[in-house]
């Protein structure tokens, strides 16, 4: 496993985490509106 693979893995993990956080925040806001 070289450095590039490690960096790509880290970036994809961060993107996945951000997507989950945005989804949770969006659902919370929608529930508050209703």
Protein backbone atom coordinates (compact mmCIF):
# COMPACT_ATOMS: atom_id res chain seq x y z
CA UNK A 1 0.00 0.00 0.00
CA UNK A 2 1.64 3.22 -1.12
CA UNK A 3 1.09 6.81 0.01
CA UNK A 4 -1.34 7.66 -2.80
CA UNK A 5 -3.67 4.81 -1.83
CA UNK A 6 -3.57 5.95 1.78
CA UNK A 7 -4.39 9.56 0.84
CA UNK A 8 -7.27 8.47 -1.42
CA UNK A 9 -8.63 6.24 1.33
CA UNK A 10 -8.45 9.12 3.82
CA UNK A 11 -10.19 11.54 1.43
CA UNK A 12 -12.98 9.08 0.61
CA UNK A 13 -13.50 8.40 4.33
CA UNK A 14 -13.77 12.12 5.05
CA UNK A 15 -16.22 12.63 2.18
CA UNK A 16 -18.37 9.77 3.47
CA UNK A 17 -18.34 11.24 6.99
CA UNK A 18 -19.30 14.69 5.68
CA UNK A 19 -22.16 13.20 3.63
CA UNK A 20 -23.50 11.42 6.71
CA UNK A 21 -23.29 14.57 8.85
CA UNK A 22 -25.04 16.66 6.17
CA UNK A 23 -27.77 14.03 5.84
CA UNK A 24 -28.37 13.93 9.60
CA UNK A 25 -28.43 17.74 9.84
CA UNK A 26 -30.86 17.94 6.89
CA UNK A 27 -33.23 15.39 8.45
CA UNK A 28 -33.10 17.24 11.77
CA UNK A 29 -33.98 20.56 10.08
CA UNK A 30 -36.85 18.97 8.15
CA UNK A 31 -38.27 17.46 11.34
CA UNK A 32 -38.12 20.84 13.09
CA UNK A 33 -40.01 22.55 10.25
CA UNK A 34 -42.80 19.97 10.46
